[in-house]
Amino acid sequence: MADPAPLSPIAALARRHDPDRFLCALFAPAEARDTLSLLLAFNHELARAREVASNGMTALIRLQWWREAVEEAQAGAPPRRHEVAAPLAAAVRAGTLAPEDLLGMIDAREAEAEEDIPSRAALLAMLRGSSGGLAVAMGRVLDAPASCLPGLQAVGAAYGLAGVLRNTPALAMQGRCLLPADLLATQGLTPADVARDPRHKGTGEAARTLAAEGQALLREGRAKLSGLPRGAVAAALPGRLAGRDLARIAAPGWSAAQPPPPRGLGDRLAVIWAGWRGRA
């Protein structure tokens, strides 16, 4: 039996930094997988803008760098020297990726540069634009019907919300908290309190409230995906992982102080089974 073809550099980058959605992308038509990997790598760079920055202003400068890279590609300027920016510019010039989708993802990430996320509405808006925007961009690459794009956005946002909750301990180690200030206030907490110590009982209560909202968001999205063709199902498959994550977090006994468990066989099988059946 012949060895499988090696991954392209951009696919290897996506698998390393976003293994969840990379697994989902494997259920897309072969000719679209590198473009999906490019979107995943781009999304990772946007997420890193705040992760590696020492302050919010530095994060905004990094996001502006990407905004200018997309705008220059749109204008036909030479691509910037970067392992993601160069292929991204080529995809924009070729019409494979829509600049407005990419710019929307950048704009949504600006909320992470703020000191706090003020409200649940603000958190949801950020997630609809970032993780939800990524799902929409993936759907466009896979020729998802326009009627399904709102559903993909909701499913993508639910996956993003599950990620925020799963990563609460890791963010606290960086001195950060993305849980909304208004919800934490109902538990007598501030985002700074959670960043200092996520073991507060109120942190878990707030997370369970958000998990329930995430489950409702997931139901909303799935209800709008009835016309999603099999070839576009990869854009919706992260919802399978979101459903499992949100159910764990909503269950009694979940602790925001413990790092999330690594992905197990059950998680991978849930994606594989849905992808094989072509069901979102």
C-alpha atoms as a PDB file:
ATOM      1  CA  MET A   1       0.000   0.000   0.000  1.00  0.00           C
ATOM      2  CA  ALA A   2       1.342   3.418  -0.934  1.00  0.00           C
ATOM      3  CA  ASP A   3       2.210   5.828   1.840  1.00  0.00           C
ATOM      4  CA  PRO A   4      -0.302   8.653   2.289  1.00  0.00           C
ATOM      5  CA  ALA A   5       0.643  11.931   0.663  1.00  0.00           C
ATOM      6  CA  PRO A   6       2.491  14.239   3.069  1.00  0.00           C
ATOM      7  CA  LEU A   7       0.630  17.233   4.400  1.00  0.00           C
ATOM      8  CA  SER A   8       1.266  20.593   2.814  1.00  0.00           C
ATOM      9  CA  PRO A   9       3.049  23.111   5.073  1.00  0.00           C
ATOM     10  CA  ILE A  10      -0.180  25.016   5.695  1.00  0.00           C
ATOM     11  CA  ALA A  11      -2.084  21.810   6.521  1.00  0.00           C
ATOM     12  CA  ALA A  12       0.661  20.740   8.927  1.00  0.00           C
ATOM     13  CA  LEU A  13       0.405  24.145  10.594  1.00  0.00           C
ATOM     14  CA  ALA A  14      -3.369  23.812  10.950  1.00  0.00           C
ATOM     15  CA  ARG A  15      -3.113  20.300  12.383  1.00  0.00           C
ATOM     16  CA  ARG A  16      -0.542  21.431  14.947  1.00  0.00           C
ATOM     17  CA  HIS A  17      -2.445  24.485  16.169  1.00  0.00           C
ATOM     18  CA  ASP A  18      -6.096  23.509  15.636  1.00  0.00           C
ATOM     19  CA  PRO A  19      -6.370  19.715  15.694  1.00  0.00           C
ATOM     20  CA  ASP A  20     -10.114  19.766  16.413  1.00  0.00           C
ATOM     21  CA  ARG A  21     -11.144  21.684  13.330  1.00  0.00           C
ATOM     22  CA  PHE A  22      -8.395  20.078  11.254  1.00  0.00           C
ATOM     23  CA  LEU A  23     -10.004  16.701  11.915  1.00  0.00           C
ATOM     24  CA  CYS A  24     -13.342  18.144  10.818  1.00  0.00           C
ATOM     25  CA  ALA A  25     -11.773  19.566   7.646  1.00  0.00           C
ATOM     26  CA  LEU A  26     -10.676  16.079   6.582  1.00  0.00           C
ATOM     27  CA  PHE A  27     -14.323  15.390   5.707  1.00  0.00           C
ATOM     28  CA  ALA A  28     -14.309  18.155   3.101  1.00  0.00           C
ATOM     29  CA  PRO A  29     -13.630  17.395  -0.572  1.00  0.00           C
ATOM     30  CA  ALA A  30      -9.887  16.860  -1.059  1.00  0.00           C
ATOM     31  CA  GLU A  31      -9.500  19.888  -3.310  1.00  0.00           C
ATOM     32  CA  ALA A  32     -10.821  22.220  -0.581  1.00  0.00           C
ATOM     33  CA  ARG A  33      -8.803  20.954   2.366  1.00  0.00           C
ATOM     34  CA  ASP A  34      -5.758  23.164   1.933  1.00  0.00           C
ATOM     35  CA  THR A  35      -7.967  26.258   1.705  1.00  0.00           C
ATOM     36  CA  LEU A  36      -9.742  25.224   4.903  1.00  0.00           C
ATOM     37  CA  SER A  37      -6.355  24.642   6.535  1.00  0.00           C
ATOM     38  CA  LEU A  38      -5.349  28.148   5.453  1.00  0.00           C
ATOM     39  CA  LEU A  39      -8.436  29.554   7.193  1.00  0.00           C
ATOM     40  CA  LEU A  40      -7.587  27.597  10.358  1.00  0.00           C
ATOM     41  CA  ALA A  41      -4.017  28.879  10.308  1.00  0.00           C
ATOM     42  CA  PHE A  42      -5.251  32.443   9.785  1.00  0.00           C
ATOM     43  CA  ASN A  43      -7.688  32.093  12.682  1.00  0.00           C
ATOM     44  CA  HIS A  44      -4.852  30.810  14.860  1.00  0.00           C
ATOM     45  CA  GLU A  45      -2.781  33.884  14.042  1.00  0.00           C
ATOM     46  CA  LEU A  46      -5.675  36.133  15.061  1.00  0.00           C
ATOM     47  CA  ALA A  47      -6.099  34.242  18.343  1.00  0.00           C
ATOM     48  CA  ARG A  48      -2.363  34.597  19.015  1.00  0.00           C
ATOM     49  CA  ALA A  49      -2.606  38.369  18.661  1.00  0.00           C
ATOM     50  CA  ARG A  50      -3.772  38.631  22.275  1.00  0.00           C
ATOM     51  CA  GLU A  51      -2.132  35.488  23.613  1.00  0.00           C
ATOM     52  CA  VAL A  52       1.413  36.677  22.888  1.00  0.00           C
ATOM     53  CA  ALA A  53       0.831  40.387  23.495  1.00  0.00           C
ATOM     54  CA  SER A  54       1.847  42.002  26.760  1.00  0.00           C
ATOM     55  CA  ASN A  55      -1.114  44.390  26.627  1.00  0.00           C
ATOM     56  CA  GLY A  56      -4.234  45.206  24.669  1.00  0.00           C
ATOM     57  CA  MET A  57      -2.612  47.885  22.520  1.00  0.00           C
ATOM     58  CA  THR A  58       0.021  45.469  21.278  1.00  0.00           C
ATOM     59  CA  ALA A  59      -2.746  43.008  20.404  1.00  0.00           C
ATOM     60  CA  LEU A  60      -4.540  45.678  18.380  1.00  0.00           C
ATOM     61  CA  ILE A  61      -1.308  46.430  16.509  1.00  0.00           C
ATOM     62  CA  ARG A  62      -0.967  42.749  15.613  1.00  0.00           C
ATOM     63  CA  LEU A  63      -4.564  42.639  14.407  1.00  0.00           C
ATOM     64  CA  GLN A  64      -3.978  45.781  12.341  1.00  0.00           C
ATOM     65  CA  TRP A  65      -1.013  44.040  10.682  1.00  0.00           C
ATOM     66  CA  TRP A  66      -3.365  41.299   9.517  1.00  0.00           C
ATOM     67  CA  ARG A  67      -6.023  43.787   8.465  1.00  0.00           C
ATOM     68  CA  GLU A  68      -3.485  45.552   6.267  1.00  0.00           C
ATOM     69  CA  ALA A  69      -2.257  42.225   4.888  1.00  0.00           C
ATOM     70  CA  VAL A  70      -5.801  41.350   3.752  1.00  0.00           C
ATOM     71  CA  GLU A  71      -6.449  44.824   2.347  1.00  0.00           C
ATOM     72  CA  GLU A  72      -3.161  44.782   0.440  1.00  0.00           C
ATOM     73  CA  ALA A  73      -4.038  41.389  -1.019  1.00  0.00           C
ATOM     74  CA  GLN A  74      -7.416  42.746  -2.039  1.00  0.00           C
ATOM     75  CA  ALA A  75      -5.664  45.650  -3.774  1.00  0.00           C
ATOM     76  CA  GLY A  76      -3.254  43.310  -5.583  1.00  0.00           C
ATOM     77  CA  ALA A  77      -0.141  44.416  -3.687  1.00  0.00           C
ATOM     78  CA  PRO A  78       2.773  41.983  -3.253  1.00  0.00           C
ATOM     79  CA  PRO A  79       2.158  39.571  -0.358  1.00  0.00           C
ATOM     80  CA  ARG A  80       3.863  40.014   2.977  1.00  0.00           C
ATOM     81  CA  ARG A  81       6.633  37.612   3.923  1.00  0.00           C
ATOM     82  CA  HIS A  82       4.879  35.288   6.319  1.00  0.00           C
ATOM     83  CA  GLU A  83       4.022  31.591   6.226  1.00  0.00           C
ATOM     84  CA  VAL A  84       0.291  32.362   6.449  1.00  0.00           C
ATOM     85  CA  ALA A  85       0.080  35.846   4.929  1.00  0.00           C
ATOM     86  CA  ALA A  86       1.612  34.795   1.605  1.00  0.00           C
ATOM     87  CA  PRO A  87      -0.813  31.940   0.798  1.00  0.00           C
ATOM     88  CA  LEU A  88      -3.657  34.029   2.234  1.00  0.00           C
ATOM     89  CA  ALA A  89      -2.877  36.803  -0.241  1.00  0.00           C
ATOM     90  CA  ALA A  90      -2.818  34.295  -3.083  1.00  0.00           C
ATOM     91  CA  ALA A  91      -6.220  32.924  -2.059  1.00  0.00           C
ATOM     92  CA  VAL A  92      -7.707  36.432  -1.855  1.00  0.00           C
ATOM     93  CA  ARG A  93      -6.331  37.398  -5.266  1.00  0.00           C
ATOM     94  CA  ALA A  94      -7.652  34.163  -6.762  1.00  0.00           C
ATOM     95  CA  GLY A  95     -11.111  34.805  -5.310  1.00  0.00           C
ATOM     96  CA  THR A  96     -10.952  31.635  -3.225  1.00  0.00           C
ATOM     97  CA  LEU A  97     -11.396  33.539   0.037  1.00  0.00           C
ATOM     98  CA  ALA A  98     -13.625  36.575   0.518  1.00  0.00           C
ATOM     99  CA  PRO A  99     -11.796  39.568   2.057  1.00  0.00           C
ATOM    100  CA  GLU A 100     -14.945  40.645   3.901  1.00  0.00           C
ATOM    101  CA  ASP A 101     -15.031  37.317   5.754  1.00  0.00           C
ATOM    102  CA  LEU A 102     -11.404  37.676   6.800  1.00  0.00           C
ATOM    103  CA  LEU A 103     -11.802  41.311   7.843  1.00  0.00           C
ATOM    104  CA  GLY A 104     -14.882  40.428   9.878  1.00  0.00           C
ATOM    105  CA  MET A 105     -12.899  37.798  11.774  1.00  0.00           C
ATOM    106  CA  ILE A 106     -10.210  40.388  12.518  1.00  0.00           C
ATOM    107  CA  ASP A 107     -12.723  42.983  13.695  1.00  0.00           C
ATOM    108  CA  ALA A 108     -14.345  40.496  16.078  1.00  0.00           C
ATOM    109  CA  ARG A 109     -11.026  39.726  17.759  1.00  0.00           C
ATOM    110  CA  GLU A 110     -10.603  43.354  18.836  1.00  0.00           C
ATOM    111  CA  ALA A 111     -12.903  42.637  21.794  1.00  0.00           C
ATOM    112  CA  GLU A 112     -10.196  40.393  23.262  1.00  0.00           C
ATOM    113  CA  ALA A 113      -7.861  43.379  23.461  1.00  0.00           C
ATOM    114  CA  GLU A 114     -10.177  45.082  25.955  1.00  0.00           C
ATOM    115  CA  GLU A 115      -9.517  44.704  29.660  1.00  0.00           C
ATOM    116  CA  ASP A 116     -12.794  42.814  30.208  1.00  0.00           C
ATOM    117  CA  ILE A 117     -15.673  41.405  28.203  1.00  0.00           C
ATOM    118  CA  PRO A 118     -18.462  43.557  29.677  1.00  0.00           C
ATOM    119  CA  SER A 119     -21.532  41.444  28.991  1.00  0.00           C
ATOM    120  CA  ARG A 120     -22.894  38.184  27.679  1.00  0.00           C
ATOM    121  CA  ALA A 121     -24.118  40.065  24.623  1.00  0.00           C
ATOM    122  CA  ALA A 122     -20.584  41.327  23.953  1.00  0.00           C
ATOM    123  CA  LEU A 123     -19.115  37.839  24.364  1.00  0.00           C
ATOM    124  CA  LEU A 124     -21.671  36.360  21.981  1.00  0.00           C
ATOM    125  CA  ALA A 125     -21.029  39.101  19.408  1.00  0.00           C
ATOM    126  CA  MET A 126     -17.305  38.376  19.564  1.00  0.00           C
ATOM    127  CA  LEU A 127     -17.859  34.642  19.148  1.00  0.00           C
ATOM    128  CA  ARG A 128     -20.311  35.052  16.271  1.00  0.00           C
ATOM    129  CA  GLY A 129     -17.733  37.163  14.465  1.00  0.00           C
ATOM    130  CA  SER A 130     -14.635  35.111  15.279  1.00  0.00           C
ATOM    131  CA  SER A 131     -15.399  31.386  15.573  1.00  0.00           C
ATOM    132  CA  GLY A 132     -18.745  31.898  13.870  1.00  0.00           C
ATOM    133  CA  GLY A 133     -17.115  33.936  11.130  1.00  0.00           C
ATOM    134  CA  LEU A 134     -14.585  31.166  10.589  1.00  0.00           C
ATOM    135  CA  ALA A 135     -17.395  28.621  10.184  1.00  0.00           C
ATOM    136  CA  VAL A 136     -19.118  30.881   7.649  1.00  0.00           C
ATOM    137  CA  ALA A 137     -15.875  31.339   5.697  1.00  0.00           C
ATOM    138  CA  MET A 138     -15.375  27.569   5.664  1.00  0.00           C
ATOM    139  CA  GLY A 139     -18.951  27.145   4.482  1.00  0.00           C
ATOM    140  CA  ARG A 140     -18.401  29.547   1.593  1.00  0.00           C
ATOM    141  CA  VAL A 141     -15.316  27.610   0.505  1.00  0.00           C
ATOM    142  CA  LEU A 142     -17.445  24.453   0.501  1.00  0.00           C
ATOM    143  CA  ASP A 143     -20.305  26.095  -1.441  1.00  0.00           C
ATOM    144  CA  ALA A 144     -22.771  25.953   1.442  1.00  0.00           C
ATOM    145  CA  PRO A 145     -26.097  27.563   0.474  1.00  0.00           C
ATOM    146  CA  ALA A 146     -26.626  31.094   1.747  1.00  0.00           C
ATOM    147  CA  SER A 147     -29.590  29.864   3.785  1.00  0.00           C
ATOM    148  CA  CYS A 148     -27.247  27.688   5.865  1.00  0.00           C
ATOM    149  CA  LEU A 149     -24.673  30.365   6.682  1.00  0.00           C
ATOM    150  CA  PRO A 150     -26.539  31.707   9.760  1.00  0.00           C
ATOM    151  CA  GLY A 151     -26.685  28.151  11.082  1.00  0.00           C
ATOM    152  CA  LEU A 152     -22.964  27.665  10.523  1.00  0.00           C
ATOM    153  CA  GLN A 153     -22.286  30.947  12.323  1.00  0.00           C
ATOM    154  CA  ALA A 154     -24.306  29.846  15.352  1.00  0.00           C
ATOM    155  CA  VAL A 155     -22.653  26.414  15.463  1.00  0.00           C
ATOM    156  CA  GLY A 156     -19.220  28.009  15.115  1.00  0.00           C
ATOM    157  CA  ALA A 157     -20.014  30.467  17.905  1.00  0.00           C
ATOM    158  CA  ALA A 158     -21.117  27.589  20.155  1.00  0.00           C
ATOM    159  CA  TYR A 159     -17.797  25.839  19.504  1.00  0.00           C
ATOM    160  CA  GLY A 160     -15.992  29.068  20.348  1.00  0.00           C
ATOM    161  CA  LEU A 161     -17.949  29.449  23.584  1.00  0.00           C
ATOM    162  CA  ALA A 162     -17.074  25.888  24.595  1.00  0.00           C
ATOM    163  CA  GLY A 163     -13.436  26.778  23.946  1.00  0.00           C
ATOM    164  CA  VAL A 164     -13.645  29.862  26.170  1.00  0.00           C
ATOM    165  CA  LEU A 165     -15.040  27.738  28.999  1.00  0.00           C
ATOM    166  CA  ARG A 166     -12.592  24.863  28.499  1.00  0.00           C
ATOM    167  CA  ASN A 167      -9.677  27.288  28.503  1.00  0.00           C
ATOM    168  CA  THR A 168     -10.661  29.267  31.599  1.00  0.00           C
ATOM    169  CA  PRO A 169      -7.812  27.750  33.690  1.00  0.00           C
ATOM    170  CA  ALA A 170      -5.238  28.305  30.934  1.00  0.00           C
ATOM    171  CA  LEU A 171      -6.354  31.902  30.461  1.00  0.00           C
ATOM    172  CA  ALA A 172      -6.150  32.482  34.219  1.00  0.00           C
ATOM    173  CA  MET A 173      -2.502  31.377  34.108  1.00  0.00           C
ATOM    174  CA  GLN A 174      -1.977  34.230  31.620  1.00  0.00           C
ATOM    175  CA  GLY A 175      -3.792  36.652  33.928  1.00  0.00           C
ATOM    176  CA  ARG A 176      -6.802  36.794  31.605  1.00  0.00           C
ATOM    177  CA  CYS A 177     -10.507  36.035  31.814  1.00  0.00           C
ATOM    178  CA  LEU A 178     -13.037  36.048  28.974  1.00  0.00           C
ATOM    179  CA  LEU A 179     -16.084  35.324  31.111  1.00  0.00           C
ATOM    180  CA  PRO A 180     -18.435  38.336  30.904  1.00  0.00           C
ATOM    181  CA  ALA A 181     -18.324  40.843  33.733  1.00  0.00           C
ATOM    182  CA  ASP A 182     -22.098  41.140  34.067  1.00  0.00           C
ATOM    183  CA  LEU A 183     -22.544  37.402  34.617  1.00  0.00           C
ATOM    184  CA  LEU A 184     -19.651  37.198  37.067  1.00  0.00           C
ATOM    185  CA  ALA A 185     -21.126  40.110  39.014  1.00  0.00           C
ATOM    186  CA  THR A 186     -24.169  37.967  39.801  1.00  0.00           C
ATOM    187  CA  GLN A 187     -21.743  35.639  41.600  1.00  0.00           C
ATOM    188  CA  GLY A 188     -20.004  38.492  43.434  1.00  0.00           C
ATOM    189  CA  LEU A 189     -16.939  38.192  41.196  1.00  0.00           C
ATOM    190  CA  THR A 190     -15.028  40.266  38.666  1.00  0.00           C
ATOM    191  CA  PRO A 191     -12.967  39.054  35.706  1.00  0.00           C
ATOM    192  CA  ALA A 192      -9.862  40.032  37.683  1.00  0.00           C
ATOM    193  CA  ASP A 193     -10.958  37.723  40.518  1.00  0.00           C
ATOM    194  CA  VAL A 194     -11.240  34.783  38.120  1.00  0.00           C
ATOM    195  CA  ALA A 195      -7.928  35.607  36.466  1.00  0.00           C
ATOM    196  CA  ARG A 196      -6.255  35.514  39.869  1.00  0.00           C
ATOM    197  CA  ASP A 197      -7.954  32.299  40.965  1.00  0.00           C
ATOM    198  CA  PRO A 198     -10.569  30.420  38.890  1.00  0.00           C
ATOM    199  CA  ARG A 199     -11.379  28.082  41.785  1.00  0.00           C
ATOM    200  CA  HIS A 200     -14.194  30.280  43.087  1.00  0.00           C
ATOM    201  CA  LYS A 201     -17.489  28.419  43.262  1.00  0.00           C
ATOM    202  CA  GLY A 202     -19.108  31.304  41.403  1.00  0.00           C
ATOM    203  CA  THR A 203     -16.825  30.734  38.416  1.00  0.00           C
ATOM    204  CA  GLY A 204     -18.289  27.283  37.930  1.00  0.00           C
ATOM    205  CA  GLU A 205     -21.830  28.607  38.300  1.00  0.00           C
ATOM    206  CA  ALA A 206     -21.181  31.277  35.676  1.00  0.00           C
ATOM    207  CA  ALA A 207     -19.619  28.705  33.359  1.00  0.00           C
ATOM    208  CA  ARG A 208     -22.631  26.414  33.687  1.00  0.00           C
ATOM    209  CA  THR A 209     -24.943  29.296  32.827  1.00  0.00           C
ATOM    210  CA  LEU A 210     -22.894  30.009  29.716  1.00  0.00           C
ATOM    211  CA  ALA A 211     -22.785  26.322  28.819  1.00  0.00           C
ATOM    212  CA  ALA A 212     -26.587  26.218  28.838  1.00  0.00           C
ATOM    213  CA  GLU A 213     -26.657  29.266  26.570  1.00  0.00           C
ATOM    214  CA  GLY A 214     -24.139  27.550  24.318  1.00  0.00           C
ATOM    215  CA  GLN A 215     -26.360  24.483  24.072  1.00  0.00           C
ATOM    216  CA  ALA A 216     -29.269  26.721  23.045  1.00  0.00           C
ATOM    217  CA  LEU A 217     -27.033  28.367  20.445  1.00  0.00           C
ATOM    218  CA  LEU A 218     -26.071  24.967  19.103  1.00  0.00           C
ATOM    219  CA  ARG A 219     -29.735  23.979  18.773  1.00  0.00           C
ATOM    220  CA  GLU A 220     -30.435  27.250  16.995  1.00  0.00           C
ATOM    221  CA  GLY A 221     -27.644  26.580  14.523  1.00  0.00           C
ATOM    222  CA  ARG A 222     -28.558  22.977  13.806  1.00  0.00           C
ATOM    223  CA  ALA A 223     -32.157  23.947  13.121  1.00  0.00           C
ATOM    224  CA  LYS A 224     -30.920  26.118  10.251  1.00  0.00           C
ATOM    225  CA  LEU A 225     -28.704  23.475   8.640  1.00  0.00           C
ATOM    226  CA  SER A 226     -31.329  21.160   7.181  1.00  0.00           C
ATOM    227  CA  GLY A 227     -30.284  22.076   3.639  1.00  0.00           C
ATOM    228  CA  LEU A 228     -26.541  21.720   4.190  1.00  0.00           C
ATOM    229  CA  PRO A 229     -25.111  19.474   1.463  1.00  0.00           C
ATOM    230  CA  ARG A 230     -22.818  16.594   2.328  1.00  0.00           C
ATOM    231  CA  GLY A 231     -19.850  18.354   0.735  1.00  0.00           C
ATOM    232  CA  ALA A 232     -20.155  21.253   3.183  1.00  0.00           C
ATOM    233  CA  VAL A 233     -20.708  19.278   6.379  1.00  0.00           C
ATOM    234  CA  ALA A 234     -17.066  19.743   7.471  1.00  0.00           C
ATOM    235  CA  ALA A 235     -17.866  23.379   8.307  1.00  0.00           C
ATOM    236  CA  ALA A 236     -20.484  22.241  10.831  1.00  0.00           C
ATOM    237  CA  LEU A 237     -18.669  19.280  12.392  1.00  0.00           C
ATOM    238  CA  PRO A 238     -17.016  21.326  15.186  1.00  0.00           C
ATOM    239  CA  GLY A 239     -20.535  21.495  16.598  1.00  0.00           C
ATOM    240  CA  ARG A 240     -20.233  17.802  17.485  1.00  0.00           C
ATOM    241  CA  LEU A 241     -17.304  18.606  19.771  1.00  0.00           C
ATOM    242  CA  ALA A 242     -19.051  21.695  21.112  1.00  0.00           C
ATOM    243  CA  GLY A 243     -22.068  19.621  22.111  1.00  0.00           C
ATOM    244  CA  ARG A 244     -19.922  17.171  24.037  1.00  0.00           C
ATOM    245  CA  ASP A 245     -17.877  19.923  25.717  1.00  0.00           C
ATOM    246  CA  LEU A 246     -20.895  21.976  26.720  1.00  0.00           C
ATOM    247  CA  ALA A 247     -22.658  18.928  28.173  1.00  0.00           C
ATOM    248  CA  ARG A 248     -19.600  18.182  30.338  1.00  0.00           C
ATOM    249  CA  ILE A 249     -19.394  21.770  31.562  1.00  0.00           C
ATOM    250  CA  ALA A 250     -23.128  22.019  32.270  1.00  0.00           C
ATOM    251  CA  ALA A 251     -23.050  18.843  34.363  1.00  0.00           C
ATOM    252  CA  PRO A 252     -22.743  19.049  38.174  1.00  0.00           C
ATOM    253  CA  GLY A 253     -19.220  18.627  39.439  1.00  0.00           C
ATOM    254  CA  TRP A 254     -17.410  20.370  36.601  1.00  0.00           C
ATOM    255  CA  SER A 255     -14.658  22.641  37.932  1.00  0.00           C
ATOM    256  CA  ALA A 256     -13.331  25.719  36.183  1.00  0.00           C
ATOM    257  CA  ALA A 257     -10.076  25.257  38.083  1.00  0.00           C
ATOM    258  CA  GLN A 258      -9.126  21.998  36.372  1.00  0.00           C
ATOM    259  CA  PRO A 259      -7.499  21.924  32.926  1.00  0.00           C
ATOM    260  CA  PRO A 260      -9.799  20.337  30.349  1.00  0.00           C
ATOM    261  CA  PRO A 261      -9.218  16.662  29.647  1.00  0.00           C
ATOM    262  CA  PRO A 262      -7.431  15.899  26.384  1.00  0.00           C
ATOM    263  CA  ARG A 263      -9.547  14.865  23.458  1.00  0.00           C
ATOM    264  CA  GLY A 264     -10.493  11.222  23.818  1.00  0.00           C
ATOM    265  CA  LEU A 265     -11.583   8.493  21.473  1.00  0.00           C
ATOM    266  CA  GLY A 266     -15.251   9.338  22.070  1.00  0.00           C
ATOM    267  CA  ASP A 267     -14.723  12.911  20.859  1.00  0.00           C
ATOM    268  CA  ARG A 268     -12.944  11.790  17.717  1.00  0.00           C
ATOM    269  CA  LEU A 269     -15.498   9.080  16.991  1.00  0.00           C
ATOM    270  CA  ALA A 270     -18.344  11.584  17.319  1.00  0.00           C
ATOM    271  CA  VAL A 271     -16.753  13.691  14.569  1.00  0.00           C
ATOM    272  CA  ILE A 272     -15.834  10.698  12.406  1.00  0.00           C
ATOM    273  CA  TRP A 273     -19.300   9.132  12.635  1.00  0.00           C
ATOM    274  CA  ALA A 274     -21.055  12.399  11.777  1.00  0.00           C
ATOM    275  CA  GLY A 275     -18.609  13.148   8.966  1.00  0.00           C
ATOM    276  CA  TRP A 276     -18.954   9.662   7.505  1.00  0.00           C
ATOM    277  CA  ARG A 277     -22.748   9.975   7.561  1.00  0.00           C
ATOM    278  CA  GLY A 278     -22.586  13.505   6.180  1.00  0.00           C
ATOM    279  CA  ARG A 279     -24.730  14.798   9.031  1.00  0.00           C
ATOM    280  CA  ALA A 280     -24.113  18.091  10.798  1.00  0.00           C
END
